N, C-alpha and C. Protein backbone atom coordinates (compact mmCIF):
# COMPACT_ATOMS: atom_id res chain seq x y z
N MET A 1 -5.04 3.27 -6.22
CA MET A 1 -4.25 2.26 -5.58
C MET A 1 -5.20 1.39 -4.77
N ARG A 2 -4.93 0.09 -4.77
CA ARG A 2 -5.81 -0.85 -4.07
C ARG A 2 -4.99 -1.69 -3.09
N ILE A 3 -5.52 -1.85 -1.89
CA ILE A 3 -4.89 -2.71 -0.88
C ILE A 3 -5.89 -3.79 -0.52
N THR A 4 -5.49 -5.04 -0.69
CA THR A 4 -6.32 -6.18 -0.31
C THR A 4 -5.67 -6.82 0.91
N ILE A 5 -6.47 -7.01 1.95
CA ILE A 5 -5.95 -7.48 3.22
C ILE A 5 -6.32 -8.94 3.45
N THR A 6 -5.32 -9.72 3.84
CA THR A 6 -5.55 -11.08 4.33
C THR A 6 -5.08 -11.08 5.79
N PRO A 7 -5.32 -12.14 6.54
CA PRO A 7 -4.88 -12.11 7.94
C PRO A 7 -3.37 -11.87 8.13
N ALA A 8 -2.55 -12.35 7.20
CA ALA A 8 -1.10 -12.24 7.39
C ALA A 8 -0.41 -11.22 6.48
N THR A 9 -1.12 -10.76 5.43
CA THR A 9 -0.46 -9.89 4.46
C THR A 9 -1.37 -8.78 3.96
N ALA A 10 -0.73 -7.78 3.36
CA ALA A 10 -1.45 -6.73 2.63
C ALA A 10 -0.91 -6.75 1.21
N HIS A 11 -1.79 -6.90 0.23
CA HIS A 11 -1.42 -6.91 -1.18
C HIS A 11 -1.73 -5.53 -1.75
N VAL A 12 -0.71 -4.86 -2.25
CA VAL A 12 -0.86 -3.49 -2.75
C VAL A 12 -0.71 -3.50 -4.26
N SER A 13 -1.70 -2.97 -4.97
CA SER A 13 -1.64 -2.82 -6.43
C SER A 13 -1.51 -1.34 -6.73
N ILE A 14 -0.46 -1.00 -7.49
CA ILE A 14 -0.18 0.39 -7.83
C ILE A 14 -0.43 0.58 -9.32
N PRO A 15 -1.46 1.33 -9.70
CA PRO A 15 -1.69 1.59 -11.12
C PRO A 15 -0.54 2.41 -11.71
N LEU A 16 -0.31 2.24 -12.99
CA LEU A 16 0.78 2.94 -13.67
C LEU A 16 0.73 4.44 -13.44
N GLU A 17 -0.47 5.02 -13.47
CA GLU A 17 -0.59 6.47 -13.32
C GLU A 17 -0.26 6.96 -11.91
N LEU A 18 -0.16 6.07 -10.93
CA LEU A 18 0.18 6.46 -9.56
C LEU A 18 1.59 6.05 -9.16
N LYS A 19 2.34 5.44 -10.06
CA LYS A 19 3.69 4.96 -9.70
C LYS A 19 4.57 6.09 -9.19
N GLY A 20 4.48 7.27 -9.80
CA GLY A 20 5.30 8.39 -9.36
C GLY A 20 4.91 8.90 -7.99
N GLN A 21 3.65 8.73 -7.62
CA GLN A 21 3.15 9.19 -6.32
C GLN A 21 3.23 8.12 -5.24
N ALA A 22 3.59 6.90 -5.61
CA ALA A 22 3.57 5.78 -4.66
C ALA A 22 4.39 6.04 -3.40
N PRO A 23 5.62 6.58 -3.50
CA PRO A 23 6.36 6.82 -2.24
C PRO A 23 5.62 7.77 -1.30
N LEU A 24 4.98 8.78 -1.85
CA LEU A 24 4.23 9.73 -1.02
C LEU A 24 2.96 9.08 -0.46
N LEU A 25 2.25 8.32 -1.29
CA LEU A 25 1.01 7.69 -0.86
C LEU A 25 1.25 6.59 0.17
N LEU A 26 2.32 5.82 -0.02
CA LEU A 26 2.59 4.69 0.88
C LEU A 26 3.40 5.09 2.11
N GLN A 27 3.98 6.27 2.09
CA GLN A 27 4.67 6.86 3.24
C GLN A 27 5.59 5.91 3.98
N ASP A 28 5.29 5.62 5.25
CA ASP A 28 6.20 4.87 6.12
C ASP A 28 6.43 3.42 5.69
N ILE A 29 5.54 2.86 4.87
CA ILE A 29 5.74 1.46 4.47
C ILE A 29 6.47 1.35 3.13
N TRP A 30 6.79 2.48 2.50
CA TRP A 30 7.50 2.48 1.21
C TRP A 30 8.97 2.11 1.42
N ARG A 31 9.50 1.32 0.49
CA ARG A 31 10.93 0.96 0.47
C ARG A 31 11.44 1.21 -0.94
N ASP A 32 12.69 1.64 -1.08
CA ASP A 32 13.26 1.93 -2.39
C ASP A 32 13.21 0.74 -3.34
N GLU A 33 13.29 -0.47 -2.81
CA GLU A 33 13.27 -1.65 -3.68
C GLU A 33 11.90 -1.88 -4.32
N PHE A 34 10.87 -1.15 -3.90
CA PHE A 34 9.54 -1.26 -4.50
C PHE A 34 9.42 -0.46 -5.79
N ALA A 35 10.38 0.37 -6.12
CA ALA A 35 10.25 1.37 -7.18
C ALA A 35 9.80 0.81 -8.52
N GLN A 36 10.25 -0.36 -8.91
CA GLN A 36 9.90 -0.92 -10.22
C GLN A 36 8.72 -1.87 -10.17
N GLN A 37 8.10 -2.02 -9.01
CA GLN A 37 7.02 -3.00 -8.87
C GLN A 37 5.64 -2.36 -8.94
N SER A 38 4.69 -3.10 -9.46
CA SER A 38 3.30 -2.65 -9.51
C SER A 38 2.44 -3.38 -8.48
N HIS A 39 2.94 -4.51 -7.99
CA HIS A 39 2.21 -5.31 -7.00
C HIS A 39 3.17 -5.65 -5.87
N LEU A 40 2.76 -5.33 -4.66
CA LEU A 40 3.58 -5.59 -3.49
C LEU A 40 2.82 -6.51 -2.54
N ILE A 41 3.53 -7.39 -1.87
CA ILE A 41 2.95 -8.19 -0.81
C ILE A 41 3.73 -7.87 0.45
N LEU A 42 3.05 -7.29 1.43
CA LEU A 42 3.69 -6.86 2.66
C LEU A 42 3.19 -7.69 3.83
N GLU A 43 4.12 -8.06 4.71
CA GLU A 43 3.74 -8.75 5.93
C GLU A 43 2.88 -7.81 6.78
N MET A 44 1.89 -8.34 7.45
CA MET A 44 0.98 -7.53 8.24
C MET A 44 1.63 -7.16 9.57
N THR A 45 2.55 -6.21 9.51
CA THR A 45 3.22 -5.71 10.71
C THR A 45 2.37 -4.59 11.32
N GLN A 46 2.76 -4.13 12.48
CA GLN A 46 2.03 -3.03 13.11
C GLN A 46 2.12 -1.76 12.25
N ALA A 47 3.27 -1.52 11.63
CA ALA A 47 3.41 -0.35 10.76
C ALA A 47 2.44 -0.43 9.58
N VAL A 48 2.27 -1.61 9.00
CA VAL A 48 1.34 -1.79 7.88
C VAL A 48 -0.10 -1.61 8.38
N ARG A 49 -0.43 -2.15 9.53
CA ARG A 49 -1.78 -1.96 10.10
C ARG A 49 -2.07 -0.47 10.33
N ASN A 50 -1.10 0.24 10.88
CA ASN A 50 -1.27 1.68 11.12
C ASN A 50 -1.49 2.41 9.81
N PHE A 51 -0.71 2.07 8.78
CA PHE A 51 -0.86 2.70 7.49
C PHE A 51 -2.24 2.45 6.91
N ILE A 52 -2.73 1.22 7.00
CA ILE A 52 -4.03 0.86 6.44
C ILE A 52 -5.14 1.69 7.10
N GLU A 53 -5.05 1.88 8.40
CA GLU A 53 -6.07 2.68 9.08
C GLU A 53 -6.07 4.11 8.54
N LYS A 54 -4.90 4.69 8.31
CA LYS A 54 -4.82 6.04 7.74
C LYS A 54 -5.27 6.04 6.28
N ALA A 55 -4.93 4.99 5.54
CA ALA A 55 -5.25 4.92 4.10
C ALA A 55 -6.75 4.92 3.85
N LYS A 56 -7.52 4.41 4.78
CA LYS A 56 -8.97 4.35 4.61
C LYS A 56 -9.57 5.75 4.44
N LEU A 57 -8.85 6.77 4.87
CA LEU A 57 -9.33 8.15 4.75
C LEU A 57 -8.90 8.80 3.46
N ASN A 58 -8.09 8.12 2.66
CA ASN A 58 -7.56 8.68 1.42
C ASN A 58 -8.37 8.15 0.22
N PRO A 59 -9.05 9.03 -0.53
CA PRO A 59 -9.88 8.54 -1.63
C PRO A 59 -9.08 7.93 -2.80
N THR A 60 -7.76 8.13 -2.82
CA THR A 60 -6.91 7.55 -3.86
C THR A 60 -6.62 6.08 -3.57
N ILE A 61 -6.83 5.66 -2.33
CA ILE A 61 -6.49 4.30 -1.90
C ILE A 61 -7.77 3.56 -1.50
N LEU A 62 -8.03 2.43 -2.14
CA LEU A 62 -9.16 1.59 -1.80
C LEU A 62 -8.68 0.42 -0.96
N VAL A 63 -9.30 0.17 0.16
CA VAL A 63 -8.88 -0.91 1.05
C VAL A 63 -9.98 -1.98 1.06
N TYR A 64 -9.58 -3.22 0.73
CA TYR A 64 -10.51 -4.36 0.72
C TYR A 64 -10.09 -5.37 1.76
N ARG A 65 -11.05 -5.96 2.43
CA ARG A 65 -10.76 -7.03 3.38
C ARG A 65 -11.28 -8.34 2.83
């Protein structure tokens, strides 16, 4: 999974092989309406910032600035 960060948004790309794990990997920022999507654009809220800091420790998630 890849997260690309801009000043206002986080762009999340979910590979097909991780779609089933996406709710677990994305945790607090996951929403049910994301289920059929492979690319998400999220507003850079505090919850998203907090998630990104935790995601940097997960080898399944690559974070780009």
